[in-house]
Amino acid sequence: MNTKITDIVLDFDGTCTVIPQVYEDYLQQFLEELNSKVFPQQSVKPEEWNKAQDTVRANSPAAGWTLLGPIPSAPAAADPYILAFEASKLILKQRNSTITVPPAEIHQDCYAKHQAPWRPEAREVFNKLLSKGIRLHFITNSDKTAVTNRVLDLMNVTDLGSHNISVNGSAAKFIIGELQWYPPAVPSIPDHVKLKFEELRASVTSFNIGRPVYLRRPSFFNIIYQVFNELNTLGGVVFCGDVWELDLAMPAHLGAKIHLVKRAWPFNTYPYEEEATNAAKGKISDDLKGLLEWV
């Protein structure tokens, strides 16, 4: 007997937006700000910037996103935001800079200026899902207020709660580690829910990509708990994302259903992401219309 789908959780960037329309301008501005803030005396030339990107792409997905240290949290070339971080980090290392990572405000400035548009089918798909009684939840690494405003604008409403839509930002899905053990933990997670996290394998190594995929993502887990309270209800929840490792791996191992939206060139979905989604009996589609297959 199939479990009735009650909720769909959506990643935002890439999953609901059209990254190919903005990535070139984003990367160009990133280079300009990198030179302005880090290399004002010896600018990074476009050739050096492109070569660093090519190196990251050639080594991804074995090379991973190392925002908080050496443990990889996603493919290094999964999107332009991760790619820019890893390419600039490579240049900093090659130049023996005392600065080891690019300043965070560079991404923030470039992201704000080059907003990827919604996928053209997004509003229609969301309205169809809502009309069937499906609750929609955005869980994203991006800022809650910014994403909330974009959802309000797309759906042409003045509030989201009364329309069965929620937004949770700053999910920090890239954080790999354990749940906070010392008080006060936020949120306060009961022991039987903590056990679900503790039962997660630390990593999976079956995809032959040259490194493990790490499952324990405490910040992401905390937000899932805030949204659903009792995680034994996840059997009726579909998590939808465009980066399997960030968006779908942990939810699948927690018992949720998963849906992979394929990334477009030049940030193509890797074969192991499709393999993993199929192994979890998830669905794969080129756009958000594929979500309608669940209902």
C-alpha atoms as a PDB file:
ATOM      1  CA  MET A   1       0.000   0.000   0.000  1.00  0.00           C
ATOM      2  CA  ASN A   2       1.421   3.373  -0.996  1.00  0.00           C
ATOM      3  CA  THR A   3       1.796   5.991   1.720  1.00  0.00           C
ATOM      4  CA  LYS A   4      -0.224   9.143   1.055  1.00  0.00           C
ATOM      5  CA  ILE A   5       1.999  12.129   0.367  1.00  0.00           C
ATOM      6  CA  THR A   6       1.156  14.982   2.751  1.00  0.00           C
ATOM      7  CA  ASP A   7       4.173  17.291   2.470  1.00  0.00           C
ATOM      8  CA  ILE A   8       6.882  18.220  -0.013  1.00  0.00           C
ATOM      9  CA  VAL A   9      10.145  19.798   1.135  1.00  0.00           C
ATOM     10  CA  LEU A  10      11.911  21.892  -1.482  1.00  0.00           C
ATOM     11  CA  ASP A  11      15.458  23.092  -1.698  1.00  0.00           C
ATOM     12  CA  PHE A  12      15.564  26.553  -3.303  1.00  0.00           C
ATOM     13  CA  ASP A  13      18.713  27.401  -5.287  1.00  0.00           C
ATOM     14  CA  GLY A  14      18.979  25.260  -8.392  1.00  0.00           C
ATOM     15  CA  THR A  15      15.989  23.151  -7.456  1.00  0.00           C
ATOM     16  CA  CYS A  16      13.481  25.957  -7.975  1.00  0.00           C
ATOM     17  CA  THR A  17      15.654  28.430  -9.881  1.00  0.00           C
ATOM     18  CA  VAL A  18      17.364  28.551 -13.273  1.00  0.00           C
ATOM     19  CA  ILE A  19      21.075  28.698 -12.453  1.00  0.00           C
ATOM     20  CA  PRO A  20      22.357  28.670 -16.078  1.00  0.00           C
ATOM     21  CA  GLN A  21      20.845  32.118 -16.681  1.00  0.00           C
ATOM     22  CA  VAL A  22      23.005  33.840 -14.059  1.00  0.00           C
ATOM     23  CA  TYR A  23      26.120  31.786 -13.430  1.00  0.00           C
ATOM     24  CA  GLU A  24      28.424  33.624 -15.864  1.00  0.00           C
ATOM     25  CA  ASP A  25      27.607  37.043 -14.404  1.00  0.00           C
ATOM     26  CA  TYR A  26      27.893  35.659 -10.872  1.00  0.00           C
ATOM     27  CA  LEU A  27      31.335  34.197 -11.558  1.00  0.00           C
ATOM     28  CA  GLN A  28      32.522  37.369 -13.269  1.00  0.00           C
ATOM     29  CA  GLN A  29      31.522  39.556 -10.345  1.00  0.00           C
ATOM     30  CA  PHE A  30      33.044  37.047  -7.929  1.00  0.00           C
ATOM     31  CA  LEU A  31      36.397  37.445  -9.695  1.00  0.00           C
ATOM     32  CA  GLU A  32      36.124  41.231  -9.612  1.00  0.00           C
ATOM     33  CA  GLU A  33      35.378  41.272  -5.890  1.00  0.00           C
ATOM     34  CA  LEU A  34      38.077  38.700  -5.168  1.00  0.00           C
ATOM     35  CA  ASN A  35      40.586  41.021  -6.803  1.00  0.00           C
ATOM     36  CA  SER A  36      39.233  44.073  -5.034  1.00  0.00           C
ATOM     37  CA  LYS A  37      39.109  42.544  -1.548  1.00  0.00           C
ATOM     38  CA  VAL A  38      41.967  40.018  -1.596  1.00  0.00           C
ATOM     39  CA  PHE A  39      44.327  40.715  -4.506  1.00  0.00           C
ATOM     40  CA  PRO A  40      44.311  44.486  -5.111  1.00  0.00           C
ATOM     41  CA  GLN A  41      48.046  44.512  -5.924  1.00  0.00           C
ATOM     42  CA  GLN A  42      48.314  41.388  -8.070  1.00  0.00           C
ATOM     43  CA  SER A  43      44.975  40.715  -9.686  1.00  0.00           C
ATOM     44  CA  VAL A  44      43.819  37.264 -10.689  1.00  0.00           C
ATOM     45  CA  LYS A  45      43.579  37.304 -14.482  1.00  0.00           C
ATOM     46  CA  PRO A  46      40.622  35.715 -16.241  1.00  0.00           C
ATOM     47  CA  GLU A  47      42.904  32.956 -17.528  1.00  0.00           C
ATOM     48  CA  GLU A  48      43.960  32.030 -13.998  1.00  0.00           C
ATOM     49  CA  TRP A  49      40.353  32.171 -12.778  1.00  0.00           C
ATOM     50  CA  ASN A  50      39.132  29.940 -15.609  1.00  0.00           C
ATOM     51  CA  LYS A  51      41.981  27.484 -15.087  1.00  0.00           C
ATOM     52  CA  ALA A  52      41.134  27.174 -11.393  1.00  0.00           C
ATOM     53  CA  GLN A  53      37.486  26.498 -12.259  1.00  0.00           C
ATOM     54  CA  ASP A  54      38.531  23.858 -14.797  1.00  0.00           C
ATOM     55  CA  THR A  55      40.721  22.193 -12.175  1.00  0.00           C
ATOM     56  CA  VAL A  56      37.856  22.057  -9.693  1.00  0.00           C
ATOM     57  CA  ARG A  57      35.472  20.678 -12.317  1.00  0.00           C
ATOM     58  CA  ALA A  58      37.998  18.041 -13.397  1.00  0.00           C
ATOM     59  CA  ASN A  59      38.362  16.791  -9.826  1.00  0.00           C
ATOM     60  CA  SER A  60      34.688  16.946  -8.814  1.00  0.00           C
ATOM     61  CA  PRO A  61      32.861  15.025  -7.380  1.00  0.00           C
ATOM     62  CA  ALA A  62      35.893  13.468  -5.674  1.00  0.00           C
ATOM     63  CA  ALA A  63      36.796  17.039  -4.771  1.00  0.00           C
ATOM     64  CA  GLY A  64      34.162  18.347  -2.391  1.00  0.00           C
ATOM     65  CA  TRP A  65      32.828  21.569  -0.931  1.00  0.00           C
ATOM     66  CA  THR A  66      35.049  22.379   2.045  1.00  0.00           C
ATOM     67  CA  LEU A  67      33.372  25.486   3.414  1.00  0.00           C
ATOM     68  CA  LEU A  68      34.022  24.615   7.060  1.00  0.00           C
ATOM     69  CA  GLY A  69      37.148  22.519   6.803  1.00  0.00           C
ATOM     70  CA  PRO A  70      38.548  19.453   5.096  1.00  0.00           C
ATOM     71  CA  ILE A  71      35.432  17.255   5.255  1.00  0.00           C
ATOM     72  CA  PRO A  72      33.620  17.466   1.891  1.00  0.00           C
ATOM     73  CA  SER A  73      29.898  18.176   2.040  1.00  0.00           C
ATOM     74  CA  ALA A  74      28.908  18.191  -1.657  1.00  0.00           C
ATOM     75  CA  PRO A  75      30.520  18.004  -5.115  1.00  0.00           C
ATOM     76  CA  ALA A  76      32.904  20.927  -5.613  1.00  0.00           C
ATOM     77  CA  ALA A  77      31.368  21.784  -8.993  1.00  0.00           C
ATOM     78  CA  ALA A  78      27.692  21.209  -8.209  1.00  0.00           C
ATOM     79  CA  ASP A  79      26.762  24.861  -8.733  1.00  0.00           C
ATOM     80  CA  PRO A  80      28.472  28.212  -9.382  1.00  0.00           C
ATOM     81  CA  TYR A  81      28.368  29.189  -5.707  1.00  0.00           C
ATOM     82  CA  ILE A  82      30.342  26.153  -4.584  1.00  0.00           C
ATOM     83  CA  LEU A  83      32.558  26.287  -7.679  1.00  0.00           C
ATOM     84  CA  ALA A  84      33.527  29.925  -7.051  1.00  0.00           C
ATOM     85  CA  PHE A  85      34.394  29.173  -3.436  1.00  0.00           C
ATOM     86  CA  GLU A  86      36.557  26.170  -4.299  1.00  0.00           C
ATOM     87  CA  ALA A  87      38.244  27.837  -7.295  1.00  0.00           C
ATOM     88  CA  SER A  88      39.157  30.914  -5.262  1.00  0.00           C
ATOM     89  CA  LYS A  89      40.321  28.727  -2.382  1.00  0.00           C
ATOM     90  CA  LEU A  90      42.595  26.898  -4.833  1.00  0.00           C
ATOM     91  CA  ILE A  91      44.061  30.187  -6.081  1.00  0.00           C
ATOM     92  CA  LEU A  92      44.662  31.379  -2.522  1.00  0.00           C
ATOM     93  CA  LYS A  93      46.554  28.167  -1.815  1.00  0.00           C
ATOM     94  CA  GLN A  94      48.575  28.354  -5.028  1.00  0.00           C
ATOM     95  CA  ARG A  95      49.578  31.936  -4.218  1.00  0.00           C
ATOM     96  CA  ASN A  96      50.519  31.018  -0.639  1.00  0.00           C
ATOM     97  CA  SER A  97      48.119  33.630   0.659  1.00  0.00           C
ATOM     98  CA  THR A  98      47.685  34.128   4.386  1.00  0.00           C
ATOM     99  CA  ILE A  99      43.956  34.246   3.626  1.00  0.00           C
ATOM    100  CA  THR A 100      42.787  30.666   3.141  1.00  0.00           C
ATOM    101  CA  VAL A 101      39.142  31.180   2.112  1.00  0.00           C
ATOM    102  CA  PRO A 102      37.410  33.959   0.170  1.00  0.00           C
ATOM    103  CA  PRO A 103      35.559  36.535   2.312  1.00  0.00           C
ATOM    104  CA  ALA A 104      31.930  35.518   2.814  1.00  0.00           C
ATOM    105  CA  GLU A 105      30.632  38.896   1.702  1.00  0.00           C
ATOM    106  CA  ILE A 106      31.830  38.237  -1.837  1.00  0.00           C
ATOM    107  CA  HIS A 107      29.278  35.467  -2.311  1.00  0.00           C
ATOM    108  CA  GLN A 108      26.618  37.477  -0.509  1.00  0.00           C
ATOM    109  CA  ASP A 109      27.126  40.478  -2.793  1.00  0.00           C
ATOM    110  CA  CYS A 110      27.246  38.427  -5.993  1.00  0.00           C
ATOM    111  CA  TYR A 111      24.265  36.279  -5.027  1.00  0.00           C
ATOM    112  CA  ALA A 112      22.149  39.331  -4.209  1.00  0.00           C
ATOM    113  CA  LYS A 113      23.006  41.049  -7.484  1.00  0.00           C
ATOM    114  CA  HIS A 114      22.501  38.005  -9.719  1.00  0.00           C
ATOM    115  CA  GLN A 115      19.273  36.383  -8.595  1.00  0.00           C
ATOM    116  CA  ALA A 116      18.487  33.245 -10.549  1.00  0.00           C
ATOM    117  CA  PRO A 117      14.904  33.383 -11.846  1.00  0.00           C
ATOM    118  CA  TRP A 118      12.250  30.905 -10.806  1.00  0.00           C
ATOM    119  CA  ARG A 119      11.825  27.854 -12.990  1.00  0.00           C
ATOM    120  CA  PRO A 120       9.029  28.787 -15.402  1.00  0.00           C
ATOM    121  CA  GLU A 121       6.813  25.929 -14.218  1.00  0.00           C
ATOM    122  CA  ALA A 122       7.231  26.647 -10.488  1.00  0.00           C
ATOM    123  CA  ARG A 123       4.030  28.568  -9.751  1.00  0.00           C
ATOM    124  CA  GLU A 124       1.816  26.218 -11.744  1.00  0.00           C
ATOM    125  CA  VAL A 125       3.307  23.141 -10.077  1.00  0.00           C
ATOM    126  CA  PHE A 126       3.074  24.633  -6.587  1.00  0.00           C
ATOM    127  CA  ASN A 127      -0.552  25.629  -7.083  1.00  0.00           C
ATOM    128  CA  LYS A 128      -1.457  22.147  -8.310  1.00  0.00           C
ATOM    129  CA  LEU A 129       0.227  20.553  -5.299  1.00  0.00           C
ATOM    130  CA  LEU A 130      -1.463  22.950  -2.874  1.00  0.00           C
ATOM    131  CA  SER A 131      -4.839  22.292  -4.514  1.00  0.00           C
ATOM    132  CA  LYS A 132      -4.394  18.611  -3.667  1.00  0.00           C
ATOM    133  CA  GLY A 133      -3.835  19.401  -0.003  1.00  0.00           C
ATOM    134  CA  ILE A 134      -0.037  19.028  -0.110  1.00  0.00           C
ATOM    135  CA  ARG A 135       1.866  21.280   2.286  1.00  0.00           C
ATOM    136  CA  LEU A 136       5.020  22.888   0.860  1.00  0.00           C
ATOM    137  CA  HIS A 137       8.135  23.605   2.898  1.00  0.00           C
ATOM    138  CA  PHE A 138      11.267  25.340   1.636  1.00  0.00           C
ATOM    139  CA  ILE A 139      14.415  24.337   3.532  1.00  0.00           C
ATOM    140  CA  THR A 140      17.363  26.206   2.118  1.00  0.00           C
ATOM    141  CA  ASN A 141      20.869  27.361   2.961  1.00  0.00           C
ATOM    142  CA  SER A 142      19.876  30.812   1.749  1.00  0.00           C
ATOM    143  CA  ASP A 143      18.449  33.624   3.861  1.00  0.00           C
ATOM    144  CA  LYS A 144      14.910  33.012   5.122  1.00  0.00           C
ATOM    145  CA  THR A 145      13.659  36.553   4.551  1.00  0.00           C
ATOM    146  CA  ALA A 146      14.980  36.727   1.004  1.00  0.00           C
ATOM    147  CA  VAL A 147      13.455  33.385   0.014  1.00  0.00           C
ATOM    148  CA  THR A 148      10.192  34.190   1.794  1.00  0.00           C
ATOM    149  CA  ASN A 149       9.856  37.403  -0.191  1.00  0.00           C
ATOM    150  CA  ARG A 150      10.509  35.584  -3.438  1.00  0.00           C
ATOM    151  CA  VAL A 151       7.884  32.929  -2.630  1.00  0.00           C
ATOM    152  CA  LEU A 152       5.344  35.595  -1.651  1.00  0.00           C
ATOM    153  CA  ASP A 153       5.977  37.373  -4.939  1.00  0.00           C
ATOM    154  CA  LEU A 154       5.774  34.188  -7.017  1.00  0.00           C
ATOM    155  CA  MET A 155       2.546  33.009  -5.409  1.00  0.00           C
ATOM    156  CA  ASN A 156       1.066  36.526  -5.311  1.00  0.00           C
ATOM    157  CA  VAL A 157      -0.013  36.237  -1.681  1.00  0.00           C
ATOM    158  CA  THR A 158       0.594  38.370   1.407  1.00  0.00           C
ATOM    159  CA  ASP A 159       1.333  35.550   3.826  1.00  0.00           C
ATOM    160  CA  LEU A 160       2.443  31.946   3.492  1.00  0.00           C
ATOM    161  CA  GLY A 161       1.186  30.167   6.600  1.00  0.00           C
ATOM    162  CA  SER A 162      -2.483  30.362   5.643  1.00  0.00           C
ATOM    163  CA  HIS A 163      -1.579  28.906   2.240  1.00  0.00           C
ATOM    164  CA  ASN A 164       0.195  25.829   3.673  1.00  0.00           C
ATOM    165  CA  ILE A 165       3.665  27.079   2.724  1.00  0.00           C
ATOM    166  CA  SER A 166       6.613  27.507   5.096  1.00  0.00           C
ATOM    167  CA  VAL A 167      10.170  28.741   4.613  1.00  0.00           C
ATOM    168  CA  ASN A 168      13.181  27.770   6.715  1.00  0.00           C
ATOM    169  CA  GLY A 169      16.461  29.431   5.811  1.00  0.00           C
ATOM    170  CA  SER A 170      20.092  29.188   6.897  1.00  0.00           C
ATOM    171  CA  ALA A 171      19.754  25.409   7.014  1.00  0.00           C
ATOM    172  CA  ALA A 172      23.534  24.943   6.784  1.00  0.00           C
ATOM    173  CA  LYS A 173      23.155  21.551   5.138  1.00  0.00           C
ATOM    174  CA  PHE A 174      26.917  21.630   4.583  1.00  0.00           C
ATOM    175  CA  ILE A 175      27.639  21.192   8.312  1.00  0.00           C
ATOM    176  CA  ILE A 176      28.724  17.609   9.011  1.00  0.00           C
ATOM    177  CA  GLY A 177      29.003  16.427  12.586  1.00  0.00           C
ATOM    178  CA  GLU A 178      26.994  15.460  15.643  1.00  0.00           C
ATOM    179  CA  LEU A 179      24.039  17.018  17.428  1.00  0.00           C
ATOM    180  CA  GLN A 180      24.888  19.611  20.040  1.00  0.00           C
ATOM    181  CA  TRP A 181      25.120  17.773  23.369  1.00  0.00           C
ATOM    182  CA  TYR A 182      25.513  20.634  25.809  1.00  0.00           C
ATOM    183  CA  PRO A 183      22.615  22.837  26.967  1.00  0.00           C
ATOM    184  CA  PRO A 184      20.850  24.815  25.832  1.00  0.00           C
ATOM    185  CA  ALA A 185      20.376  22.908  22.610  1.00  0.00           C
ATOM    186  CA  VAL A 186      18.153  24.673  20.093  1.00  0.00           C
ATOM    187  CA  PRO A 187      15.741  23.178  19.479  1.00  0.00           C
ATOM    188  CA  SER A 188      15.448  20.880  22.485  1.00  0.00           C
ATOM    189  CA  ILE A 189      15.252  17.470  20.821  1.00  0.00           C
ATOM    190  CA  PRO A 190      13.790  14.569  22.797  1.00  0.00           C
ATOM    191  CA  ASP A 191      15.877  11.449  23.257  1.00  0.00           C
ATOM    192  CA  HIS A 192      13.786   9.251  20.955  1.00  0.00           C
ATOM    193  CA  VAL A 193      14.305  11.769  18.112  1.00  0.00           C
ATOM    194  CA  LYS A 194      18.025  12.089  18.860  1.00  0.00           C
ATOM    195  CA  LEU A 195      18.189   8.314  18.505  1.00  0.00           C
ATOM    196  CA  LYS A 196      17.074   8.613  14.877  1.00  0.00           C
ATOM    197  CA  PHE A 197      20.074  10.836  14.216  1.00  0.00           C
ATOM    198  CA  GLU A 198      22.424   8.582  16.154  1.00  0.00           C
ATOM    199  CA  GLU A 199      21.240   5.588  14.134  1.00  0.00           C
ATOM    200  CA  LEU A 200      22.313   7.261  10.882  1.00  0.00           C
ATOM    201  CA  ARG A 201      25.458   5.836   9.388  1.00  0.00           C
ATOM    202  CA  ALA A 202      28.279   8.349   9.517  1.00  0.00           C
ATOM    203  CA  SER A 203      28.940   7.894   5.805  1.00  0.00           C
ATOM    204  CA  VAL A 204      28.311   5.740   2.770  1.00  0.00           C
ATOM    205  CA  THR A 205      31.110   4.632   0.465  1.00  0.00           C
ATOM    206  CA  SER A 206      29.313   2.623  -2.189  1.00  0.00           C
ATOM    207  CA  PHE A 207      29.312   5.160  -5.028  1.00  0.00           C
ATOM    208  CA  ASN A 208      32.902   4.901  -6.242  1.00  0.00           C
ATOM    209  CA  ILE A 209      33.507   8.649  -6.400  1.00  0.00           C
ATOM    210  CA  GLY A 210      36.791   8.632  -4.529  1.00  0.00           C
ATOM    211  CA  ARG A 211      35.477   9.730  -1.136  1.00  0.00           C
ATOM    212  CA  PRO A 212      32.697   8.991   1.360  1.00  0.00           C
ATOM    213  CA  VAL A 213      29.354  10.750   1.370  1.00  0.00           C
ATOM    214  CA  TYR A 214      28.639  11.971   4.899  1.00  0.00           C
ATOM    215  CA  LEU A 215      25.099  11.639   6.212  1.00  0.00           C
ATOM    216  CA  ARG A 216      25.081  13.253   9.655  1.00  0.00           C
ATOM    217  CA  ARG A 217      24.127  16.892   9.120  1.00  0.00           C
ATOM    218  CA  PRO A 218      22.963  18.271  12.476  1.00  0.00           C
ATOM    219  CA  SER A 219      21.750  21.713  11.414  1.00  0.00           C
ATOM    220  CA  PHE A 220      19.655  20.236   8.603  1.00  0.00           C
ATOM    221  CA  PHE A 221      18.331  17.580  11.003  1.00  0.00           C
ATOM    222  CA  ASN A 222      17.350  20.233  13.559  1.00  0.00           C
ATOM    223  CA  ILE A 223      15.290  22.105  10.969  1.00  0.00           C
ATOM    224  CA  ILE A 224      13.598  18.916   9.769  1.00  0.00           C
ATOM    225  CA  TYR A 225      12.645  18.263  13.391  1.00  0.00           C
ATOM    226  CA  GLN A 226      11.334  21.829  13.782  1.00  0.00           C
ATOM    227  CA  VAL A 227       9.134  21.381  10.718  1.00  0.00           C
ATOM    228  CA  PHE A 228       7.824  17.872  11.391  1.00  0.00           C
ATOM    229  CA  ASN A 229       8.298  17.424  15.156  1.00  0.00           C
ATOM    230  CA  GLU A 230       7.886  13.639  15.083  1.00  0.00           C
ATOM    231  CA  LEU A 231      10.152  12.150  12.429  1.00  0.00           C
ATOM    232  CA  ASN A 232       8.175   8.917  12.238  1.00  0.00           C
ATOM    233  CA  THR A 233       5.829  10.820   9.897  1.00  0.00           C
ATOM    234  CA  LEU A 234       8.470  11.270   7.181  1.00  0.00           C
ATOM    235  CA  GLY A 235       7.114   8.337   5.180  1.00  0.00           C
ATOM    236  CA  GLY A 236       4.541  10.744   3.744  1.00  0.00           C
ATOM    237  CA  VAL A 237       7.083  13.453   2.967  1.00  0.00           C
ATOM    238  CA  VAL A 238       8.960  13.985  -0.298  1.00  0.00           C
ATOM    239  CA  PHE A 239      12.255  15.876  -0.154  1.00  0.00           C
ATOM    240  CA  CYS A 240      13.069  17.534  -3.476  1.00  0.00           C
ATOM    241  CA  GLY A 241      16.520  18.864  -4.338  1.00  0.00           C
ATOM    242  CA  ASP A 242      19.085  19.208  -7.089  1.00  0.00           C
ATOM    243  CA  VAL A 243      22.171  18.086  -5.112  1.00  0.00           C
ATOM    244  CA  TRP A 244      21.595  14.577  -3.788  1.00  0.00           C
ATOM    245  CA  GLU A 245      24.355  14.786  -1.206  1.00  0.00           C
ATOM    246  CA  LEU A 246      23.165  18.058   0.341  1.00  0.00           C
ATOM    247  CA  ASP A 247      19.419  17.803  -0.064  1.00  0.00           C
ATOM    248  CA  LEU A 248      18.406  14.163  -0.224  1.00  0.00           C
ATOM    249  CA  ALA A 249      20.915  11.717   1.253  1.00  0.00           C
ATOM    250  CA  MET A 250      20.115  12.226   4.930  1.00  0.00           C
ATOM    251  CA  PRO A 251      16.324  12.528   4.451  1.00  0.00           C
ATOM    252  CA  ALA A 252      16.309   9.254   2.490  1.00  0.00           C
ATOM    253  CA  HIS A 253      18.126   7.511   5.335  1.00  0.00           C
ATOM    254  CA  LEU A 254      15.621   8.993   7.793  1.00  0.00           C
ATOM    255  CA  GLY A 255      12.787   7.313   5.906  1.00  0.00           C
ATOM    256  CA  ALA A 256      11.556  10.109   3.655  1.00  0.00           C
ATOM    257  CA  LYS A 257      10.893   9.820  -0.049  1.00  0.00           C
ATOM    258  CA  ILE A 258      13.218  11.734  -2.362  1.00  0.00           C
ATOM    259  CA  HIS A 259      13.003  13.493  -5.716  1.00  0.00           C
ATOM    260  CA  LEU A 260      16.054  14.640  -7.666  1.00  0.00           C
ATOM    261  CA  VAL A 261      15.698  17.575 -10.073  1.00  0.00           C
ATOM    262  CA  LYS A 262      18.518  17.234 -12.572  1.00  0.00           C
ATOM    263  CA  ARG A 263      20.988  20.086 -12.945  1.00  0.00           C
ATOM    264  CA  ALA A 264      21.594  21.595 -16.351  1.00  0.00           C
ATOM    265  CA  TRP A 265      24.919  22.173 -18.122  1.00  0.00           C
ATOM    266  CA  PRO A 266      27.512  23.225 -17.108  1.00  0.00           C
ATOM    267  CA  PHE A 267      26.669  21.848 -13.643  1.00  0.00           C
ATOM    268  CA  ASN A 268      25.308  18.520 -14.789  1.00  0.00           C
ATOM    269  CA  THR A 269      24.004  15.957 -12.343  1.00  0.00           C
ATOM    270  CA  TYR A 270      26.565  13.222 -11.669  1.00  0.00           C
ATOM    271  CA  PRO A 271      25.691   9.603 -12.438  1.00  0.00           C
ATOM    272  CA  TYR A 272      26.127   8.574  -8.789  1.00  0.00           C
ATOM    273  CA  GLU A 273      23.379  11.028  -7.773  1.00  0.00           C
ATOM    274  CA  GLU A 274      20.914   9.332 -10.097  1.00  0.00           C
ATOM    275  CA  GLU A 275      22.140   5.922  -8.967  1.00  0.00           C
ATOM    276  CA  ALA A 276      21.599   6.848  -5.320  1.00  0.00           C
ATOM    277  CA  THR A 277      18.131   8.259  -6.000  1.00  0.00           C
ATOM    278  CA  ASN A 278      17.091   5.136  -7.880  1.00  0.00           C
ATOM    279  CA  ALA A 279      18.469   2.939  -5.103  1.00  0.00           C
ATOM    280  CA  ALA A 280      16.206   4.782  -2.646  1.00  0.00           C
ATOM    281  CA  LYS A 281      13.228   4.255  -4.982  1.00  0.00           C
ATOM    282  CA  GLY A 282      13.054   7.995  -5.553  1.00  0.00           C
ATOM    283  CA  LYS A 283      12.044   9.877  -8.672  1.00  0.00           C
ATOM    284  CA  ILE A 284      14.141  11.935 -11.089  1.00  0.00           C
ATOM    285  CA  SER A 285      12.972  14.685 -13.419  1.00  0.00           C
ATOM    286  CA  ASP A 286      14.336  17.516 -15.540  1.00  0.00           C
ATOM    287  CA  ASP A 287      12.094  20.086 -13.868  1.00  0.00           C
ATOM    288  CA  LEU A 288       9.547  20.579 -11.079  1.00  0.00           C
ATOM    289  CA  LYS A 289       6.701  19.069 -13.105  1.00  0.00           C
ATOM    290  CA  GLY A 290       7.975  15.664 -12.079  1.00  0.00           C
ATOM    291  CA  LEU A 291       6.723  16.333  -8.538  1.00  0.00           C
ATOM    292  CA  LEU A 292       3.163  15.902  -9.773  1.00  0.00           C
ATOM    293  CA  GLU A 293       3.875  12.192 -10.258  1.00  0.00           C
ATOM    294  CA  TRP A 294       3.804  11.775  -6.467  1.00  0.00           C
ATOM    295  CA  VAL A 295       0.182  12.862  -6.177  1.00  0.00           C
END
